[in-house]
Amino acid sequence: MDSPLPFERPHPFTQHYRVKADDIDGLGHTNNQVYVRWCQDTAWAHSQTLGVALSDYQTLQRAMAIRSARYEYLQASYLGDPICVATWITHSDRRLNLSRRFQIFNRSSGALLCRAELEFVCINLSNGKPCRMPPLFVECYAEAATPG
């Protein structure tokens, strides 16, 4: 596809993937759990780019845990298809909650394959209970939020 992908928001963080044989399910298309994995991998890469790594979660004993997830599968992808996963942090209350959105495209056709919305809550890793975001999370995640 020569024209840019129709992202719903400006300036997404993107990762590219290619559908592999292991991604294909018994129906001959990409298994839904692969889309979930691509979103997870893209979110982690985005977090690292923003300055928050898994080691920071461990050191601070804080993490952004998924509270809810909604995936809308629109079209199938197949072996060899080039994929673009785009993500944005769309909201942060700078205390407990964070929202992230995803769009997954076939890079060749430009077709939107999947949309996802994830809601996160900051938790204390020692007891699993909600707690305030540490300053690093506020600085990196809240400042990256692109509402709209």
C-alpha atoms as a PDB file:
ATOM      1  CA  MET A   1       0.000   0.000   0.000  1.00  0.00           C
ATOM      2  CA  ASP A   2       1.494   3.324  -1.085  1.00  0.00           C
ATOM      3  CA  SER A   3      -0.744   5.677   0.887  1.00  0.00           C
ATOM      4  CA  PRO A   4      -0.444   6.042   4.654  1.00  0.00           C
ATOM      5  CA  LEU A   5      -2.582   3.886   6.893  1.00  0.00           C
ATOM      6  CA  PRO A   6      -5.783   5.560   8.154  1.00  0.00           C
ATOM      7  CA  PHE A   7      -4.860   5.890  11.830  1.00  0.00           C
ATOM      8  CA  GLU A   8      -7.678   7.151  14.061  1.00  0.00           C
ATOM      9  CA  ARG A   9      -5.298   9.483  15.923  1.00  0.00           C
ATOM     10  CA  PRO A  10      -2.083  11.259  14.971  1.00  0.00           C
ATOM     11  CA  HIS A  11       1.401  10.048  15.866  1.00  0.00           C
ATOM     12  CA  PRO A  12       0.851   6.424  16.830  1.00  0.00           C
ATOM     13  CA  PHE A  13       3.594   4.188  18.127  1.00  0.00           C
ATOM     14  CA  THR A  14       3.812   1.359  15.590  1.00  0.00           C
ATOM     15  CA  GLN A  15       5.344  -2.094  15.356  1.00  0.00           C
ATOM     16  CA  HIS A  16       5.450  -4.313  12.289  1.00  0.00           C
ATOM     17  CA  TYR A  17       4.861  -8.057  12.243  1.00  0.00           C
ATOM     18  CA  ARG A  18       4.427 -10.762   9.621  1.00  0.00           C
ATOM     19  CA  VAL A  19       1.930 -13.598  10.070  1.00  0.00           C
ATOM     20  CA  LYS A  20       3.913 -16.821  10.621  1.00  0.00           C
ATOM     21  CA  ALA A  21       2.872 -20.454  10.241  1.00  0.00           C
ATOM     22  CA  ASP A  22       2.618 -20.812  14.045  1.00  0.00           C
ATOM     23  CA  ASP A  23       0.077 -17.946  14.081  1.00  0.00           C
ATOM     24  CA  ILE A  24      -2.422 -19.820  11.898  1.00  0.00           C
ATOM     25  CA  ASP A  25      -5.265 -21.736  13.551  1.00  0.00           C
ATOM     26  CA  GLY A  26      -7.398 -24.645  12.372  1.00  0.00           C
ATOM     27  CA  LEU A  27      -9.597 -22.287  10.349  1.00  0.00           C
ATOM     28  CA  GLY A  28      -6.654 -21.214   8.181  1.00  0.00           C
ATOM     29  CA  HIS A  29      -6.321 -17.655   9.459  1.00  0.00           C
ATOM     30  CA  THR A  30      -4.474 -15.859  12.233  1.00  0.00           C
ATOM     31  CA  ASN A  31      -5.661 -17.039  15.639  1.00  0.00           C
ATOM     32  CA  ASN A  32      -7.289 -14.318  17.755  1.00  0.00           C
ATOM     33  CA  GLN A  33      -4.768 -14.801  20.580  1.00  0.00           C
ATOM     34  CA  VAL A  34      -2.027 -13.664  18.161  1.00  0.00           C
ATOM     35  CA  TYR A  35      -3.712 -10.249  17.891  1.00  0.00           C
ATOM     36  CA  VAL A  36      -3.700 -10.066  21.702  1.00  0.00           C
ATOM     37  CA  ARG A  37       0.007 -10.971  21.759  1.00  0.00           C
ATOM     38  CA  TRP A  38       0.823  -8.363  19.107  1.00  0.00           C
ATOM     39  CA  CYS A  39      -0.975  -5.712  21.176  1.00  0.00           C
ATOM     40  CA  GLN A  40       0.862  -6.770  24.330  1.00  0.00           C
ATOM     41  CA  ASP A  41       4.251  -6.760  22.595  1.00  0.00           C
ATOM     42  CA  THR A  42       3.555  -3.379  20.995  1.00  0.00           C
ATOM     43  CA  ALA A  43       2.414  -1.871  24.319  1.00  0.00           C
ATOM     44  CA  TRP A  44       5.613  -3.067  26.033  1.00  0.00           C
ATOM     45  CA  ALA A  45       7.774  -1.667  23.223  1.00  0.00           C
ATOM     46  CA  HIS A  46       5.905   1.645  23.489  1.00  0.00           C
ATOM     47  CA  SER A  47       6.385   1.722  27.267  1.00  0.00           C
ATOM     48  CA  GLN A  48      10.114   1.148  26.862  1.00  0.00           C
ATOM     49  CA  THR A  49      10.301   3.950  24.296  1.00  0.00           C
ATOM     50  CA  LEU A  50       8.544   6.231  26.804  1.00  0.00           C
ATOM     51  CA  GLY A  51      11.115   5.319  29.474  1.00  0.00           C
ATOM     52  CA  VAL A  52       9.309   2.642  31.499  1.00  0.00           C
ATOM     53  CA  ALA A  53      10.742  -0.895  31.374  1.00  0.00           C
ATOM     54  CA  LEU A  54       9.759  -4.124  33.111  1.00  0.00           C
ATOM     55  CA  SER A  55      12.762  -3.612  35.394  1.00  0.00           C
ATOM     56  CA  ASP A  56      11.192  -0.315  36.547  1.00  0.00           C
ATOM     57  CA  TYR A  57       7.982  -2.158  37.428  1.00  0.00           C
ATOM     58  CA  GLN A  58      10.021  -4.608  39.492  1.00  0.00           C
ATOM     59  CA  THR A  59      12.184  -1.956  41.180  1.00  0.00           C
ATOM     60  CA  LEU A  60       9.212   0.275  42.018  1.00  0.00           C
ATOM     61  CA  GLN A  61       6.980  -2.695  42.936  1.00  0.00           C
ATOM     62  CA  ARG A  62       4.266  -1.056  40.824  1.00  0.00           C
ATOM     63  CA  ALA A  63       2.655  -2.121  37.557  1.00  0.00           C
ATOM     64  CA  MET A  64      -0.083  -1.110  35.192  1.00  0.00           C
ATOM     65  CA  ALA A  65      -2.358  -4.179  35.152  1.00  0.00           C
ATOM     66  CA  ILE A  66      -5.151  -4.767  32.653  1.00  0.00           C
ATOM     67  CA  ARG A  67      -8.537  -4.204  34.265  1.00  0.00           C
ATOM     68  CA  SER A  68     -10.566  -4.687  31.111  1.00  0.00           C
ATOM     69  CA  ALA A  69      -9.911  -5.447  27.459  1.00  0.00           C
ATOM     70  CA  ARG A  70     -12.155  -5.206  24.429  1.00  0.00           C
ATOM     71  CA  TYR A  71     -11.086  -6.547  21.036  1.00  0.00           C
ATOM     72  CA  GLU A  72     -13.158  -6.061  17.896  1.00  0.00           C
ATOM     73  CA  TYR A  73     -12.049  -8.412  15.121  1.00  0.00           C
ATOM     74  CA  LEU A  74     -13.047  -6.958  11.753  1.00  0.00           C
ATOM     75  CA  GLN A  75     -11.201  -8.996   9.117  1.00  0.00           C
ATOM     76  CA  ALA A  76      -8.944 -12.027   9.002  1.00  0.00           C
ATOM     77  CA  SER A  77      -5.232 -12.123   8.240  1.00  0.00           C
ATOM     78  CA  TYR A  78      -3.345 -14.985   6.653  1.00  0.00           C
ATOM     79  CA  LEU A  79       0.081 -16.563   6.413  1.00  0.00           C
ATOM     80  CA  GLY A  80       2.669 -14.067   5.211  1.00  0.00           C
ATOM     81  CA  ASP A  81       0.493 -10.968   5.611  1.00  0.00           C
ATOM     82  CA  PRO A  82       2.445  -7.867   6.692  1.00  0.00           C
ATOM     83  CA  ILE A  83       0.880  -6.341   9.804  1.00  0.00           C
ATOM     84  CA  CYS A  84       1.094  -2.919  11.451  1.00  0.00           C
ATOM     85  CA  VAL A  85      -0.004  -2.530  15.074  1.00  0.00           C
ATOM     86  CA  ALA A  86      -0.554   1.080  16.148  1.00  0.00           C
ATOM     87  CA  THR A  87      -1.103   2.171  19.746  1.00  0.00           C
ATOM     88  CA  TRP A  88      -1.778   5.303  21.734  1.00  0.00           C
ATOM     89  CA  ILE A  89      -2.253   6.089  25.398  1.00  0.00           C
ATOM     90  CA  THR A  90      -5.594   7.853  25.245  1.00  0.00           C
ATOM     91  CA  HIS A  91      -6.187   8.787  28.874  1.00  0.00           C
ATOM     92  CA  SER A  92      -4.462   8.935  32.230  1.00  0.00           C
ATOM     93  CA  ASP A  93      -5.981  10.300  35.408  1.00  0.00           C
ATOM     94  CA  ARG A  94      -2.388  10.632  36.720  1.00  0.00           C
ATOM     95  CA  ARG A  95      -3.377   8.612  39.798  1.00  0.00           C
ATOM     96  CA  LEU A  96      -4.673   5.080  39.171  1.00  0.00           C
ATOM     97  CA  ASN A  97      -6.094   4.645  35.684  1.00  0.00           C
ATOM     98  CA  LEU A  98      -4.764   4.547  32.159  1.00  0.00           C
ATOM     99  CA  SER A  99      -6.399   3.776  28.803  1.00  0.00           C
ATOM    100  CA  ARG A 100      -4.701   2.511  25.667  1.00  0.00           C
ATOM    101  CA  ARG A 101      -6.104   1.952  22.162  1.00  0.00           C
ATOM    102  CA  PHE A 102      -4.857  -0.166  19.282  1.00  0.00           C
ATOM    103  CA  GLN A 103      -5.498  -0.518  15.580  1.00  0.00           C
ATOM    104  CA  ILE A 104      -4.171  -3.494  13.617  1.00  0.00           C
ATOM    105  CA  PHE A 105      -3.816  -3.147   9.845  1.00  0.00           C
ATOM    106  CA  ASN A 106      -2.799  -5.302   6.920  1.00  0.00           C
ATOM    107  CA  ARG A 107       0.070  -3.180   5.579  1.00  0.00           C
ATOM    108  CA  SER A 108      -0.388  -4.404   1.989  1.00  0.00           C
ATOM    109  CA  SER A 109      -4.099  -3.713   1.592  1.00  0.00           C
ATOM    110  CA  GLY A 110      -4.539  -1.039   4.270  1.00  0.00           C
ATOM    111  CA  ALA A 111      -7.468  -3.027   5.688  1.00  0.00           C
ATOM    112  CA  LEU A 112      -8.267  -2.491   9.356  1.00  0.00           C
ATOM    113  CA  LEU A 113      -8.227  -5.974  10.889  1.00  0.00           C
ATOM    114  CA  CYS A 114      -8.835  -5.292  14.570  1.00  0.00           C
ATOM    115  CA  ARG A 115      -9.451  -2.517  17.082  1.00  0.00           C
ATOM    116  CA  ALA A 116      -8.780  -2.854  20.788  1.00  0.00           C
ATOM    117  CA  GLU A 117      -9.291  -0.806  23.936  1.00  0.00           C
ATOM    118  CA  LEU A 118      -7.547  -1.685  27.185  1.00  0.00           C
ATOM    119  CA  GLU A 119      -8.109  -0.138  30.606  1.00  0.00           C
ATOM    120  CA  PHE A 120      -5.293  -0.385  33.139  1.00  0.00           C
ATOM    121  CA  VAL A 121      -5.064   0.213  36.869  1.00  0.00           C
ATOM    122  CA  CYS A 122      -1.852   0.798  38.808  1.00  0.00           C
ATOM    123  CA  ILE A 123      -1.221  -1.974  41.337  1.00  0.00           C
ATOM    124  CA  ASN A 124       1.238  -2.680  44.124  1.00  0.00           C
ATOM    125  CA  LEU A 125       3.128  -5.823  43.086  1.00  0.00           C
ATOM    126  CA  SER A 126       3.582  -6.996  46.676  1.00  0.00           C
ATOM    127  CA  ASN A 127      -0.155  -7.288  47.389  1.00  0.00           C
ATOM    128  CA  GLY A 128      -1.922  -6.850  44.023  1.00  0.00           C
ATOM    129  CA  LYS A 129      -4.033  -3.949  45.302  1.00  0.00           C
ATOM    130  CA  PRO A 130      -4.620  -0.682  43.451  1.00  0.00           C
ATOM    131  CA  CYS A 131      -2.290   2.170  44.382  1.00  0.00           C
ATOM    132  CA  ARG A 132      -1.216   5.570  43.075  1.00  0.00           C
ATOM    133  CA  MET A 133       1.051   5.713  40.063  1.00  0.00           C
ATOM    134  CA  PRO A 134       4.662   6.467  40.959  1.00  0.00           C
ATOM    135  CA  PRO A 135       6.088   9.707  39.516  1.00  0.00           C
ATOM    136  CA  LEU A 136       7.846   7.802  36.697  1.00  0.00           C
ATOM    137  CA  PHE A 137       4.511   6.441  35.437  1.00  0.00           C
ATOM    138  CA  VAL A 138       2.842   9.849  35.651  1.00  0.00           C
ATOM    139  CA  GLU A 139       5.737  11.491  33.841  1.00  0.00           C
ATOM    140  CA  CYS A 140       6.032   8.922  31.062  1.00  0.00           C
ATOM    141  CA  TYR A 141       2.496   7.645  30.559  1.00  0.00           C
ATOM    142  CA  ALA A 142       0.364  10.693  31.343  1.00  0.00           C
ATOM    143  CA  GLU A 143       2.543  13.009  29.288  1.00  0.00           C
ATOM    144  CA  ALA A 144       2.228  10.656  26.304  1.00  0.00           C
ATOM    145  CA  ALA A 145      -1.588  10.594  26.395  1.00  0.00           C
ATOM    146  CA  THR A 146      -3.262  11.734  23.175  1.00  0.00           C
ATOM    147  CA  PRO A 147      -6.951  12.243  23.953  1.00  0.00           C
ATOM    148  CA  GLY A 148      -9.414  12.649  21.167  1.00  0.00           C
END
